[in-house]
Amino acid sequence: MLEIAAVTAGYGRTKVLHDVSLSIPTGGAVSVMGHNGAGKTTLLRVATGLLPVMSGKVTIDGEDVTRMPPSRRVERGLGYVPQGQQSFPQMTTLENLQLVAKRPSDIDEVLDLFPVLKQLLSRRAGLLSGGQRQQLAIARTLLTKPRLLVLDEPTEGIQPNIVADIERVIIDLTRRGDLSVLLVEQHVGFALRSTGTYYVLQSGRITMSGAGGADAIDDVRKAMTI
């Protein structure tokens, strides 16, 4: 689905990513973990087309999109949920969903994924908790019918019960087999339980990768403390 091949990228003459390669298969979920300053945000900007690469290649379904702007990547099925639980605060939860929904039945589908939102449809998004806004942001992006869902640290500042809900949703979505997920995250346990493959990014380089799952948690945590 998404292939990032030997990408070097940064700002001005400063290189942040150094020869980074990773692959996300169709229907697969991949996590990229790293501390602040590791290059995670730069990697997402490359994947979504917000930052040009210095060298390397980005492809979606085999098509070279390295020089393609973000809008055209969206047309090819990329859905991006940026950090910060973005929504339209003066609009209700339902209005936020209606803004991007193509059919009312699509809204019902995302509400089944996030049942707590069913009780909050008439509440302004600005009055929701951080966790509820995060669920709303993911639901809105899913309404665009992406084939690749890109999540930027969805657990930041979120209460544990909603973290568990988001983990469940990622697992449920990828089980369907038609949606790929790229998850960038610092919460090691959440990331590894949610995804089938992981990469560790440190100082702009991939230093570790492997199969996801709870069995990998201790090894990844240890590697990230070195």
N, C-alpha and C. Protein backbone atom coordinates (compact mmCIF):
# COMPACT_ATOMS: atom_id res chain seq x y z
N MET A 1 0.83 -1.21 0.00
CA MET A 1 0.00 0.00 0.00
C MET A 1 0.87 1.27 0.00
N LEU A 2 1.61 1.47 1.11
CA LEU A 2 2.52 2.62 1.20
C LEU A 2 3.94 2.10 1.33
N GLU A 3 4.83 2.66 0.53
CA GLU A 3 6.24 2.28 0.58
C GLU A 3 7.08 3.55 0.67
N ILE A 4 7.87 3.63 1.72
CA ILE A 4 8.83 4.72 1.86
C ILE A 4 10.21 4.09 1.70
N ALA A 5 10.93 4.48 0.66
CA ALA A 5 12.16 3.78 0.29
C ALA A 5 13.36 4.72 0.35
N ALA A 6 14.28 4.45 1.28
CA ALA A 6 15.56 5.16 1.39
C ALA A 6 15.38 6.67 1.39
N VAL A 7 14.44 7.16 2.20
CA VAL A 7 14.10 8.58 2.21
C VAL A 7 15.01 9.34 3.18
N THR A 8 15.57 10.41 2.67
CA THR A 8 16.26 11.41 3.49
C THR A 8 15.49 12.71 3.34
N ALA A 9 15.18 13.35 4.45
CA ALA A 9 14.37 14.56 4.42
C ALA A 9 14.70 15.44 5.61
N GLY A 10 14.35 16.72 5.49
CA GLY A 10 14.60 17.64 6.60
C GLY A 10 14.16 19.04 6.22
N TYR A 11 14.80 20.03 6.82
CA TYR A 11 14.38 21.42 6.68
C TYR A 11 15.60 22.26 6.34
N GLY A 12 15.54 22.93 5.19
CA GLY A 12 16.72 23.66 4.75
C GLY A 12 17.84 22.68 4.46
N ARG A 13 18.99 22.93 5.05
CA ARG A 13 20.12 22.02 4.86
C ARG A 13 20.21 20.98 5.98
N THR A 14 19.29 21.07 6.94
CA THR A 14 19.34 20.16 8.09
C THR A 14 18.59 18.88 7.77
N LYS A 15 19.28 17.77 7.83
CA LYS A 15 18.67 16.47 7.60
C LYS A 15 18.10 15.93 8.91
N VAL A 16 16.83 15.51 8.86
CA VAL A 16 16.17 14.94 10.04
C VAL A 16 16.01 13.43 9.88
N LEU A 17 15.61 12.99 8.69
CA LEU A 17 15.50 11.56 8.39
C LEU A 17 16.69 11.15 7.54
N HIS A 18 17.25 9.99 7.85
CA HIS A 18 18.44 9.53 7.16
C HIS A 18 18.20 8.13 6.57
N ASP A 19 17.95 8.08 5.27
CA ASP A 19 17.83 6.81 4.55
C ASP A 19 16.79 5.88 5.21
N VAL A 20 15.60 6.42 5.45
CA VAL A 20 14.54 5.68 6.14
C VAL A 20 13.71 4.88 5.14
N SER A 21 13.50 3.61 5.44
CA SER A 21 12.65 2.76 4.61
C SER A 21 11.64 2.03 5.49
N LEU A 22 10.41 1.99 5.06
CA LEU A 22 9.39 1.18 5.73
C LEU A 22 8.27 0.88 4.75
N SER A 23 7.53 -0.19 5.04
CA SER A 23 6.48 -0.65 4.14
C SER A 23 5.22 -0.96 4.92
N ILE A 24 4.08 -0.56 4.37
CA ILE A 24 2.78 -0.86 4.97
C ILE A 24 1.97 -1.63 3.94
N PRO A 25 1.68 -2.90 4.19
CA PRO A 25 0.93 -3.70 3.21
C PRO A 25 -0.55 -3.34 3.22
N THR A 26 -1.24 -3.69 2.18
CA THR A 26 -2.68 -3.50 2.13
C THR A 26 -3.33 -4.30 3.25
N GLY A 27 -4.16 -3.63 4.05
CA GLY A 27 -4.82 -4.29 5.16
C GLY A 27 -3.95 -4.50 6.37
N GLY A 28 -2.73 -3.96 6.36
CA GLY A 28 -1.82 -4.11 7.49
C GLY A 28 -1.77 -2.87 8.36
N ALA A 29 -1.35 -3.06 9.60
CA ALA A 29 -1.18 -1.96 10.54
C ALA A 29 0.27 -1.92 10.99
N VAL A 30 0.89 -0.75 10.83
CA VAL A 30 2.31 -0.57 11.15
C VAL A 30 2.45 0.60 12.12
N SER A 31 3.27 0.41 13.15
CA SER A 31 3.52 1.50 14.08
C SER A 31 4.97 1.96 13.97
N VAL A 32 5.15 3.26 14.15
CA VAL A 32 6.48 3.86 14.22
C VAL A 32 6.59 4.53 15.58
N MET A 33 7.54 4.09 16.37
CA MET A 33 7.70 4.60 17.74
C MET A 33 9.01 5.35 17.88
N GLY A 34 9.03 6.31 18.77
CA GLY A 34 10.24 7.06 19.02
C GLY A 34 9.94 8.21 19.97
N HIS A 35 10.98 8.69 20.63
CA HIS A 35 10.82 9.80 21.56
C HIS A 35 10.66 11.11 20.79
N ASN A 36 10.34 12.18 21.50
CA ASN A 36 10.29 13.50 20.88
C ASN A 36 11.64 13.81 20.25
N GLY A 37 11.60 14.33 19.04
CA GLY A 37 12.82 14.67 18.34
C GLY A 37 13.42 13.55 17.52
N ALA A 38 12.75 12.39 17.53
CA ALA A 38 13.28 11.23 16.79
C ALA A 38 13.10 11.37 15.29
N GLY A 39 12.15 12.21 14.87
CA GLY A 39 11.87 12.38 13.45
C GLY A 39 10.50 11.88 13.02
N LYS A 40 9.66 11.56 14.01
CA LYS A 40 8.34 10.99 13.68
C LYS A 40 7.47 11.98 12.90
N THR A 41 7.45 13.23 13.33
CA THR A 41 6.63 14.22 12.65
C THR A 41 7.13 14.45 11.23
N THR A 42 8.42 14.49 11.06
CA THR A 42 9.00 14.65 9.72
C THR A 42 8.61 13.48 8.83
N LEU A 43 8.65 12.27 9.38
CA LEU A 43 8.24 11.09 8.62
C LEU A 43 6.79 11.21 8.16
N LEU A 44 5.91 11.66 9.04
CA LEU A 44 4.51 11.81 8.65
C LEU A 44 4.33 12.89 7.59
N ARG A 45 5.09 13.95 7.71
CA ARG A 45 5.00 15.02 6.70
C ARG A 45 5.46 14.52 5.34
N VAL A 46 6.44 13.64 5.33
CA VAL A 46 6.87 13.03 4.07
C VAL A 46 5.78 12.12 3.52
N ALA A 47 5.20 11.28 4.40
CA ALA A 47 4.19 10.32 3.96
C ALA A 47 2.95 11.02 3.40
N THR A 48 2.58 12.14 4.00
CA THR A 48 1.36 12.84 3.59
C THR A 48 1.60 13.88 2.50
N GLY A 49 2.87 14.12 2.16
CA GLY A 49 3.17 15.08 1.10
C GLY A 49 3.35 16.50 1.57
N LEU A 50 3.39 16.71 2.86
CA LEU A 50 3.55 18.07 3.40
C LEU A 50 5.00 18.53 3.39
N LEU A 51 5.94 17.60 3.19
CA LEU A 51 7.36 17.93 3.17
C LEU A 51 8.02 17.19 2.02
N PRO A 52 8.73 17.90 1.14
CA PRO A 52 9.43 17.21 0.05
C PRO A 52 10.63 16.44 0.58
N VAL A 53 11.00 15.40 -0.14
CA VAL A 53 12.16 14.61 0.27
C VAL A 53 13.42 15.17 -0.39
N MET A 54 14.56 14.95 0.27
CA MET A 54 15.84 15.30 -0.33
C MET A 54 16.30 14.19 -1.27
N SER A 55 16.01 12.95 -0.88
CA SER A 55 16.29 11.81 -1.73
C SER A 55 15.40 10.66 -1.29
N GLY A 56 15.26 9.67 -2.15
CA GLY A 56 14.39 8.54 -1.83
C GLY A 56 13.09 8.61 -2.59
N LYS A 57 12.17 7.72 -2.25
CA LYS A 57 10.95 7.56 -3.02
C LYS A 57 9.78 7.17 -2.12
N VAL A 58 8.60 7.69 -2.44
CA VAL A 58 7.36 7.33 -1.74
C VAL A 58 6.37 6.83 -2.79
N THR A 59 5.80 5.65 -2.54
CA THR A 59 4.81 5.11 -3.47
C THR A 59 3.54 4.71 -2.72
N ILE A 60 2.40 4.82 -3.39
CA ILE A 60 1.12 4.34 -2.90
C ILE A 60 0.57 3.39 -3.95
N ASP A 61 0.37 2.15 -3.55
CA ASP A 61 -0.09 1.11 -4.48
C ASP A 61 0.79 1.04 -5.73
N GLY A 62 2.08 1.19 -5.54
CA GLY A 62 3.02 1.09 -6.65
C GLY A 62 3.19 2.35 -7.47
N GLU A 63 2.36 3.36 -7.22
CA GLU A 63 2.45 4.62 -7.96
C GLU A 63 3.40 5.57 -7.25
N ASP A 64 4.32 6.15 -7.97
CA ASP A 64 5.27 7.10 -7.40
C ASP A 64 4.55 8.41 -7.06
N VAL A 65 4.47 8.72 -5.75
CA VAL A 65 3.80 9.94 -5.32
C VAL A 65 4.79 10.89 -4.65
N THR A 66 6.09 10.66 -4.86
CA THR A 66 7.12 11.42 -4.16
C THR A 66 6.94 12.91 -4.33
N ARG A 67 6.57 13.36 -5.51
CA ARG A 67 6.40 14.79 -5.77
C ARG A 67 4.92 15.20 -5.79
N MET A 68 4.07 14.30 -5.38
CA MET A 68 2.62 14.56 -5.45
C MET A 68 2.16 15.36 -4.22
N PRO A 69 1.34 16.41 -4.41
CA PRO A 69 0.88 17.21 -3.28
C PRO A 69 -0.12 16.44 -2.41
N PRO A 70 -0.33 16.93 -1.17
CA PRO A 70 -1.23 16.24 -0.24
C PRO A 70 -2.62 15.98 -0.79
N SER A 71 -3.19 16.94 -1.51
CA SER A 71 -4.56 16.79 -2.00
C SER A 71 -4.70 15.60 -2.93
N ARG A 72 -3.69 15.36 -3.77
CA ARG A 72 -3.75 14.23 -4.69
C ARG A 72 -3.51 12.91 -3.97
N ARG A 73 -2.76 12.94 -2.89
CA ARG A 73 -2.58 11.73 -2.09
C ARG A 73 -3.89 11.36 -1.39
N VAL A 74 -4.64 12.38 -0.97
CA VAL A 74 -5.96 12.13 -0.39
C VAL A 74 -6.86 11.46 -1.43
N GLU A 75 -6.80 11.93 -2.67
CA GLU A 75 -7.59 11.33 -3.74
C GLU A 75 -7.24 9.86 -3.94
N ARG A 76 -6.02 9.49 -3.59
CA ARG A 76 -5.58 8.10 -3.74
C ARG A 76 -5.81 7.28 -2.48
N GLY A 77 -6.54 7.87 -1.52
CA GLY A 77 -7.00 7.08 -0.39
C GLY A 77 -6.30 7.32 0.92
N LEU A 78 -5.50 8.38 1.02
CA LEU A 78 -4.80 8.66 2.27
C LEU A 78 -5.69 9.53 3.17
N GLY A 79 -5.89 9.08 4.41
CA GLY A 79 -6.63 9.85 5.40
C GLY A 79 -5.74 10.13 6.59
N TYR A 80 -5.60 11.40 6.96
CA TYR A 80 -4.62 11.82 7.97
C TYR A 80 -5.34 12.41 9.18
N VAL A 81 -5.04 11.86 10.36
CA VAL A 81 -5.56 12.41 11.62
C VAL A 81 -4.38 13.03 12.36
N PRO A 82 -4.21 14.35 12.25
CA PRO A 82 -3.05 14.99 12.88
C PRO A 82 -3.17 15.03 14.39
N GLN A 83 -2.06 15.33 15.03
CA GLN A 83 -2.04 15.43 16.47
C GLN A 83 -2.90 16.61 16.91
N GLY A 84 -3.64 16.45 18.01
CA GLY A 84 -4.36 17.58 18.57
C GLY A 84 -5.87 17.52 18.51
N GLN A 85 -6.46 16.36 18.20
CA GLN A 85 -7.91 16.18 18.24
C GLN A 85 -8.66 17.28 17.50
N GLN A 86 -8.30 17.51 16.26
CA GLN A 86 -8.85 18.62 15.51
C GLN A 86 -10.32 18.40 15.14
N SER A 87 -11.11 19.46 15.32
CA SER A 87 -12.52 19.45 14.96
C SER A 87 -12.96 20.91 14.82
N PHE A 88 -14.22 21.10 14.45
CA PHE A 88 -14.77 22.45 14.40
C PHE A 88 -15.51 22.68 15.72
N PRO A 89 -14.91 23.43 16.65
CA PRO A 89 -15.41 23.49 18.03
C PRO A 89 -16.80 24.09 18.18
N GLN A 90 -17.21 24.99 17.29
CA GLN A 90 -18.52 25.62 17.42
C GLN A 90 -19.64 24.78 16.82
N MET A 91 -19.27 23.72 16.11
CA MET A 91 -20.26 22.83 15.51
C MET A 91 -20.50 21.65 16.44
N THR A 92 -21.68 21.07 16.36
CA THR A 92 -21.97 19.90 17.18
C THR A 92 -21.21 18.69 16.65
N THR A 93 -21.20 17.66 17.46
CA THR A 93 -20.58 16.40 17.03
C THR A 93 -21.20 15.92 15.73
N LEU A 94 -22.53 15.93 15.66
CA LEU A 94 -23.21 15.47 14.45
C LEU A 94 -22.88 16.35 13.26
N GLU A 95 -22.84 17.65 13.43
CA GLU A 95 -22.52 18.55 12.32
C GLU A 95 -21.10 18.31 11.81
N ASN A 96 -20.17 18.03 12.72
CA ASN A 96 -18.81 17.70 12.31
C ASN A 96 -18.79 16.47 11.42
N LEU A 97 -19.61 15.48 11.77
CA LEU A 97 -19.68 14.25 10.98
C LEU A 97 -20.39 14.48 9.65
N GLN A 98 -21.47 15.24 9.69
CA GLN A 98 -22.24 15.50 8.48
C GLN A 98 -21.44 16.27 7.44
N LEU A 99 -20.48 17.04 7.92
CA LEU A 99 -19.68 17.87 7.03
C LEU A 99 -18.90 17.05 6.02
N VAL A 100 -18.52 15.84 6.40
CA VAL A 100 -17.71 15.01 5.49
C VAL A 100 -18.42 13.74 5.03
N ALA A 101 -19.55 13.41 5.64
CA ALA A 101 -20.24 12.16 5.29
C ALA A 101 -20.90 12.26 3.91
N LYS A 102 -20.79 11.18 3.15
CA LYS A 102 -21.45 11.12 1.85
C LYS A 102 -22.88 10.61 1.98
N ARG A 103 -23.11 9.75 3.00
CA ARG A 103 -24.44 9.17 3.21
C ARG A 103 -24.70 9.08 4.71
N PRO A 104 -25.96 9.24 5.14
CA PRO A 104 -26.27 9.09 6.57
C PRO A 104 -25.87 7.73 7.12
N SER A 105 -25.93 6.69 6.30
CA SER A 105 -25.58 5.36 6.77
C SER A 105 -24.09 5.26 7.12
N ASP A 106 -23.27 6.10 6.47
CA ASP A 106 -21.84 6.12 6.79
C ASP A 106 -21.62 6.62 8.22
N ILE A 107 -22.43 7.59 8.63
CA ILE A 107 -22.33 8.10 10.00
C ILE A 107 -22.69 7.01 10.99
N ASP A 108 -23.71 6.24 10.68
CA ASP A 108 -24.10 5.13 11.57
C ASP A 108 -22.95 4.15 11.73
N GLU A 109 -22.21 3.91 10.67
CA GLU A 109 -21.10 2.95 10.73
C GLU A 109 -20.00 3.43 11.65
N VAL A 110 -19.62 4.71 11.58
CA VAL A 110 -18.55 5.19 12.44
C VAL A 110 -19.03 5.32 13.88
N LEU A 111 -20.31 5.58 14.08
CA LEU A 111 -20.83 5.64 15.44
C LEU A 111 -20.84 4.27 16.09
N ASP A 112 -20.97 3.23 15.28
CA ASP A 112 -20.87 1.87 15.83
C ASP A 112 -19.45 1.60 16.32
N LEU A 113 -18.46 2.22 15.67
CA LEU A 113 -17.08 2.07 16.12
C LEU A 113 -16.81 2.87 17.39
N PHE A 114 -17.45 4.03 17.50
CA PHE A 114 -17.25 4.91 18.66
C PHE A 114 -18.60 5.18 19.32
N PRO A 115 -19.15 4.22 20.07
CA PRO A 115 -20.50 4.36 20.62
C PRO A 115 -20.67 5.55 21.55
N VAL A 116 -19.59 5.99 22.20
CA VAL A 116 -19.73 7.12 23.12
C VAL A 116 -20.20 8.38 22.38
N LEU A 117 -19.85 8.49 21.10
CA LEU A 117 -20.26 9.68 20.34
C LEU A 117 -21.76 9.73 20.10
N LYS A 118 -22.42 8.57 20.17
CA LYS A 118 -23.87 8.54 19.97
C LYS A 118 -24.60 9.37 21.02
N GLN A 119 -24.01 9.44 22.21
CA GLN A 119 -24.63 10.19 23.30
C GLN A 119 -24.27 11.68 23.26
N LEU A 120 -23.42 12.05 22.31
CA LEU A 120 -22.87 13.42 22.29
C LEU A 120 -23.15 14.14 20.98
N LEU A 121 -24.10 13.65 20.20
CA LEU A 121 -24.33 14.19 18.87
C LEU A 121 -24.76 15.65 18.88
N SER A 122 -25.46 16.06 19.92
CA SER A 122 -25.96 17.45 19.96
C SER A 122 -25.03 18.38 20.73
N ARG A 123 -23.93 17.85 21.23
CA ARG A 123 -23.00 18.66 22.01
C ARG A 123 -21.96 19.28 21.08
N ARG A 124 -21.63 20.56 21.34
CA ARG A 124 -20.60 21.21 20.54
C ARG A 124 -19.26 20.51 20.75
N ALA A 125 -18.51 20.38 19.66
CA ALA A 125 -17.25 19.66 19.73
C ALA A 125 -16.27 20.31 20.70
N GLY A 126 -16.36 21.63 20.83
CA GLY A 126 -15.46 22.33 21.74
C GLY A 126 -15.70 22.01 23.20
N LEU A 127 -16.84 21.39 23.51
CA LEU A 127 -17.16 21.03 24.89
C LEU A 127 -16.86 19.56 25.19
N LEU A 128 -16.38 18.83 24.19
CA LEU A 128 -16.03 17.43 24.42
C LEU A 128 -14.70 17.33 25.16
N SER A 129 -14.49 16.21 25.82
CA SER A 129 -13.19 15.95 26.44
C SER A 129 -12.15 15.69 25.35
N GLY A 130 -10.87 15.71 25.73
CA GLY A 130 -9.82 15.45 24.75
C GLY A 130 -9.98 14.09 24.09
N GLY A 131 -10.32 13.09 24.88
CA GLY A 131 -10.50 11.75 24.34
C GLY A 131 -11.69 11.67 23.40
N GLN A 132 -12.78 12.35 23.73
CA GLN A 132 -13.95 12.35 22.86
C GLN A 132 -13.65 13.08 21.55
N ARG A 133 -12.89 14.18 21.63
CA ARG A 133 -12.51 14.89 20.40
C ARG A 133 -11.60 14.03 19.53
N GLN A 134 -10.74 13.23 20.17
CA GLN A 134 -9.88 12.36 19.38
C GLN A 134 -10.70 11.31 18.64
N GLN A 135 -11.69 10.74 19.31
CA GLN A 135 -12.57 9.78 18.65
C GLN A 135 -13.33 10.44 17.50
N LEU A 136 -13.77 11.67 17.72
CA LEU A 136 -14.48 12.40 16.67
C LEU A 136 -13.56 12.66 15.48
N ALA A 137 -12.30 13.02 15.75
CA ALA A 137 -11.36 13.29 14.66
C ALA A 137 -11.12 12.03 13.82
N ILE A 138 -10.98 10.89 14.48
CA ILE A 138 -10.78 9.65 13.74
C ILE A 138 -12.04 9.29 12.95
N ALA A 139 -13.20 9.46 13.59
CA ALA A 139 -14.47 9.15 12.91
C ALA A 139 -14.65 10.02 11.67
N ARG A 140 -14.33 11.30 11.78
CA ARG A 140 -14.47 12.20 10.62
C ARG A 140 -13.57 11.74 9.47
N THR A 141 -12.35 11.34 9.79
CA THR A 141 -11.43 10.90 8.75
C THR A 141 -11.92 9.60 8.12
N LEU A 142 -12.45 8.70 8.92
CA LEU A 142 -12.97 7.44 8.38
C LEU A 142 -14.14 7.67 7.43
N LEU A 143 -14.88 8.75 7.63
CA LEU A 143 -16.00 9.06 6.75
C LEU A 143 -15.54 9.44 5.34
N THR A 144 -14.27 9.77 5.18
CA THR A 144 -13.75 10.07 3.84
C THR A 144 -13.41 8.79 3.08
N LYS A 145 -13.61 7.64 3.72
CA LYS A 145 -13.37 6.33 3.12
C LYS A 145 -11.91 6.14 2.69
N PRO A 146 -10.96 6.36 3.59
CA PRO A 146 -9.56 6.18 3.21
C PRO A 146 -9.21 4.71 3.06
N ARG A 147 -8.16 4.45 2.31
CA ARG A 147 -7.58 3.11 2.24
C ARG A 147 -6.32 3.02 3.10
N LEU A 148 -5.77 4.19 3.44
CA LEU A 148 -4.64 4.28 4.36
C LEU A 148 -4.96 5.33 5.41
N LEU A 149 -5.03 4.91 6.67
CA LEU A 149 -5.32 5.81 7.77
C LEU A 149 -4.02 6.11 8.51
N VAL A 150 -3.66 7.39 8.56
CA VAL A 150 -2.42 7.83 9.21
C VAL A 150 -2.79 8.53 10.51
N LEU A 151 -2.30 8.00 11.63
CA LEU A 151 -2.63 8.52 12.95
C LEU A 151 -1.38 9.07 13.63
N ASP A 152 -1.43 10.33 14.03
CA ASP A 152 -0.28 10.97 14.68
C ASP A 152 -0.52 11.06 16.19
N GLU A 153 0.10 10.15 16.93
CA GLU A 153 0.05 10.11 18.39
C GLU A 153 -1.38 10.29 18.94
N PRO A 154 -2.28 9.39 18.60
CA PRO A 154 -3.68 9.55 19.02
C PRO A 154 -3.91 9.39 20.52
N THR A 155 -2.93 8.88 21.28
CA THR A 155 -3.15 8.67 22.72
C THR A 155 -2.65 9.83 23.57
N GLU A 156 -2.04 10.84 22.95
CA GLU A 156 -1.45 11.91 23.74
C GLU A 156 -2.51 12.64 24.57
N GLY A 157 -2.33 12.62 25.88
CA GLY A 157 -3.24 13.32 26.78
C GLY A 157 -4.62 12.70 26.92
N ILE A 158 -4.76 11.44 26.52
CA ILE A 158 -6.07 10.78 26.50
C ILE A 158 -6.18 9.82 27.68
N GLN A 159 -7.38 9.78 28.28
CA GLN A 159 -7.62 8.91 29.42
C GLN A 159 -7.56 7.44 29.00
N PRO A 160 -7.12 6.55 29.92
CA PRO A 160 -6.86 5.14 29.57
C PRO A 160 -8.04 4.41 28.94
N ASN A 161 -9.27 4.67 29.38
CA ASN A 161 -10.39 3.92 28.82
C ASN A 161 -10.61 4.26 27.34
N ILE A 162 -10.32 5.50 26.94
CA ILE A 162 -10.48 5.87 25.54
C ILE A 162 -9.30 5.37 24.72
N VAL A 163 -8.11 5.32 25.33
CA VAL A 163 -6.97 4.69 24.66
C VAL A 163 -7.33 3.25 24.29
N ALA A 164 -7.96 2.54 25.21
CA ALA A 164 -8.38 1.16 24.95
C ALA A 164 -9.41 1.10 23.83
N ASP A 165 -10.31 2.07 23.77
CA ASP A 165 -11.31 2.11 22.69
C ASP A 165 -10.64 2.32 21.33
N ILE A 166 -9.66 3.23 21.27
CA ILE A 166 -8.98 3.50 20.01
C ILE A 166 -8.18 2.27 19.57
N GLU A 167 -7.56 1.60 20.53
CA GLU A 167 -6.83 0.35 20.23
C GLU A 167 -7.78 -0.68 19.62
N ARG A 168 -8.95 -0.82 20.20
CA ARG A 168 -9.95 -1.77 19.69
C ARG A 168 -10.35 -1.41 18.27
N VAL A 169 -10.55 -0.13 18.01
CA VAL A 169 -10.98 0.31 16.68
C VAL A 169 -9.91 0.01 15.64
N ILE A 170 -8.66 0.29 15.94
CA ILE A 170 -7.58 0.00 14.99
C ILE A 170 -7.55 -1.48 14.65
N ILE A 171 -7.65 -2.32 15.67
CA ILE A 171 -7.63 -3.77 15.45
C ILE A 171 -8.82 -4.20 14.62
N ASP A 172 -10.01 -3.68 14.95
CA ASP A 172 -11.22 -4.04 14.21
C ASP A 172 -11.13 -3.61 12.74
N LEU A 173 -10.62 -2.42 12.50
CA LEU A 173 -10.54 -1.90 11.14
C LEU A 173 -9.59 -2.72 10.28
N THR A 174 -8.43 -3.07 10.83
CA THR A 174 -7.46 -3.81 10.03
C THR A 174 -7.89 -5.26 9.82
N ARG A 175 -8.71 -5.79 10.70
CA ARG A 175 -9.22 -7.15 10.50
C ARG A 175 -10.10 -7.24 9.26
N ARG A 176 -10.66 -6.13 8.86
CA ARG A 176 -11.52 -6.15 7.66
C ARG A 176 -10.72 -6.41 6.40
N GLY A 177 -9.44 -6.04 6.42
CA GLY A 177 -8.55 -6.36 5.30
C GLY A 177 -8.48 -5.34 4.19
N ASP A 178 -9.28 -4.25 4.26
CA ASP A 178 -9.28 -3.29 3.17
C ASP A 178 -8.75 -1.92 3.59
N LEU A 179 -8.28 -1.81 4.82
CA LEU A 179 -7.76 -0.54 5.32
C LEU A 179 -6.38 -0.77 5.93
N SER A 180 -5.42 0.03 5.51
CA SER A 180 -4.08 -0.01 6.09
C SER A 180 -3.95 1.13 7.10
N VAL A 181 -3.10 0.93 8.11
CA VAL A 181 -2.93 1.93 9.16
C VAL A 181 -1.44 2.19 9.39
N LEU A 182 -1.09 3.48 9.42
CA LEU A 182 0.23 3.92 9.86
C LEU A 182 0.03 4.69 11.15
N LEU A 183 0.55 4.15 12.24
CA LEU A 183 0.38 4.73 13.56
C LEU A 183 1.73 5.24 14.07
N VAL A 184 1.81 6.52 14.34
CA VAL A 184 3.01 7.10 14.96
C VAL A 184 2.69 7.38 16.42
N GLU A 185 3.53 6.85 17.32
CA GLU A 185 3.11 6.81 18.72
C GLU A 185 4.32 6.70 19.65
N GLN A 186 4.19 7.25 20.86
CA GLN A 186 5.20 7.07 21.91
C GLN A 186 4.78 6.00 22.90
N HIS A 187 3.49 5.74 23.01
CA HIS A 187 2.94 4.75 23.95
C HIS A 187 3.23 3.35 23.40
N VAL A 188 4.30 2.72 23.89
CA VAL A 188 4.80 1.47 23.32
C VAL A 188 3.77 0.35 23.40
N GLY A 189 3.16 0.15 24.57
CA GLY A 189 2.20 -0.94 24.72
C GLY A 189 1.03 -0.81 23.77
N PHE A 190 0.46 0.38 23.70
CA PHE A 190 -0.66 0.64 22.79
C PHE A 190 -0.26 0.37 21.34
N ALA A 191 0.90 0.88 20.94
CA ALA A 191 1.33 0.74 19.56
C ALA A 191 1.53 -0.73 19.18
N LEU A 192 2.18 -1.48 20.04
CA LEU A 192 2.49 -2.87 19.71
C LEU A 192 1.26 -3.77 19.75
N ARG A 193 0.33 -3.48 20.66
CA ARG A 193 -0.90 -4.27 20.70
C ARG A 193 -1.80 -3.98 19.50
N SER A 194 -1.68 -2.78 18.94
CA SER A 194 -2.58 -2.34 17.87
C SER A 194 -2.11 -2.72 16.48
N THR A 195 -0.82 -3.02 16.33
CA THR A 195 -0.26 -3.18 14.99
C THR A 195 0.50 -4.49 14.84
N GLY A 196 0.60 -4.93 13.61
CA GLY A 196 1.26 -6.20 13.34
C GLY A 196 2.75 -6.09 13.09
N THR A 197 3.21 -4.88 12.75
CA THR A 197 4.62 -4.64 12.48
C THR A 197 5.01 -3.31 13.12
N TYR A 198 6.22 -3.24 13.63
CA TYR A 198 6.67 -1.99 14.25
C TYR A 198 8.04 -1.59 13.73
N TYR A 199 8.31 -0.29 13.82
CA TYR A 199 9.63 0.28 13.57
C TYR A 199 9.95 1.23 14.72
N VAL A 200 11.20 1.25 15.13
CA VAL A 200 11.67 2.22 16.13
C VAL A 200 12.54 3.24 15.42
N LEU A 201 12.19 4.50 15.59
CA LEU A 201 12.91 5.60 14.95
C LEU A 201 13.70 6.36 16.02
N GLN A 202 14.99 6.46 15.85
CA GLN A 202 15.85 7.18 16.79
C GLN A 202 16.83 8.04 16.00
N SER A 203 16.85 9.33 16.34
CA SER A 203 17.74 10.28 15.67
C SER A 203 17.61 10.20 14.15
N GLY A 204 16.37 10.01 13.70
CA GLY A 204 16.10 10.03 12.27
C GLY A 204 16.46 8.78 11.52
N ARG A 205 16.76 7.69 12.25
CA ARG A 205 17.11 6.43 11.60
C ARG A 205 16.27 5.29 12.18
N ILE A 206 15.92 4.33 11.36
CA ILE A 206 15.25 3.12 11.85
C ILE A 206 16.31 2.26 12.53
N THR A 207 16.14 2.03 13.83
CA THR A 207 17.13 1.26 14.59
C THR A 207 16.63 -0.12 14.98
N MET A 208 15.34 -0.37 14.80
CA MET A 208 14.78 -1.67 15.20
C MET A 208 13.45 -1.85 14.49
N SER A 209 13.13 -3.07 14.14
CA SER A 209 11.83 -3.37 13.55
C SER A 209 11.50 -4.83 13.81
N GLY A 210 10.22 -5.18 13.66
CA GLY A 210 9.84 -6.56 13.88
C GLY A 210 8.34 -6.72 13.92
N ALA A 211 7.90 -7.89 14.35
CA ALA A 211 6.48 -8.18 14.47
C ALA A 211 5.92 -7.54 15.73
N GLY A 212 4.73 -6.96 15.60
CA GLY A 212 4.08 -6.35 16.75
C GLY A 212 3.52 -7.38 17.71
N GLY A 213 2.73 -6.91 18.66
CA GLY A 213 2.16 -7.81 19.66
C GLY A 213 2.76 -7.56 21.03
N ALA A 214 2.07 -8.04 22.06
CA ALA A 214 2.48 -7.79 23.44
C ALA A 214 3.84 -8.39 23.76
N ASP A 215 4.24 -9.46 23.07
CA ASP A 215 5.52 -10.12 23.36
C ASP A 215 6.71 -9.23 23.06
N ALA A 216 6.52 -8.21 22.22
CA ALA A 216 7.64 -7.35 21.83
C ALA A 216 7.81 -6.14 22.75
N ILE A 217 6.89 -5.93 23.67
CA ILE A 217 6.88 -4.69 24.45
C ILE A 217 8.17 -4.49 25.23
N ASP A 218 8.61 -5.49 25.98
CA ASP A 218 9.80 -5.33 26.81
C ASP A 218 11.04 -5.02 25.98
N ASP A 219 11.22 -5.72 24.86
CA ASP A 219 12.39 -5.51 24.03
C ASP A 219 12.40 -4.10 23.43
N VAL A 220 11.24 -3.64 23.00
CA VAL A 220 11.17 -2.29 22.40
C VAL A 220 11.41 -1.23 23.46
N ARG A 221 10.80 -1.38 24.62
CA ARG A 221 11.03 -0.40 25.69
C ARG A 221 12.51 -0.33 26.05
N LYS A 222 13.15 -1.48 26.12
CA LYS A 222 14.57 -1.51 26.46
C LYS A 222 15.39 -0.82 25.37
N ALA A 223 15.06 -1.08 24.12
CA ALA A 223 15.80 -0.46 23.02
C ALA A 223 15.64 1.05 23.01
N MET A 224 14.47 1.52 23.40
CA MET A 224 14.20 2.96 23.36
C MET A 224 14.85 3.69 24.54
N THR A 225 15.35 2.98 25.52
CA THR A 225 16.04 3.63 26.64
C THR A 225 17.55 3.71 26.43
N ILE A 226 18.04 3.03 25.40
CA ILE A 226 19.48 3.02 25.13
C ILE A 226 19.89 4.34 24.48
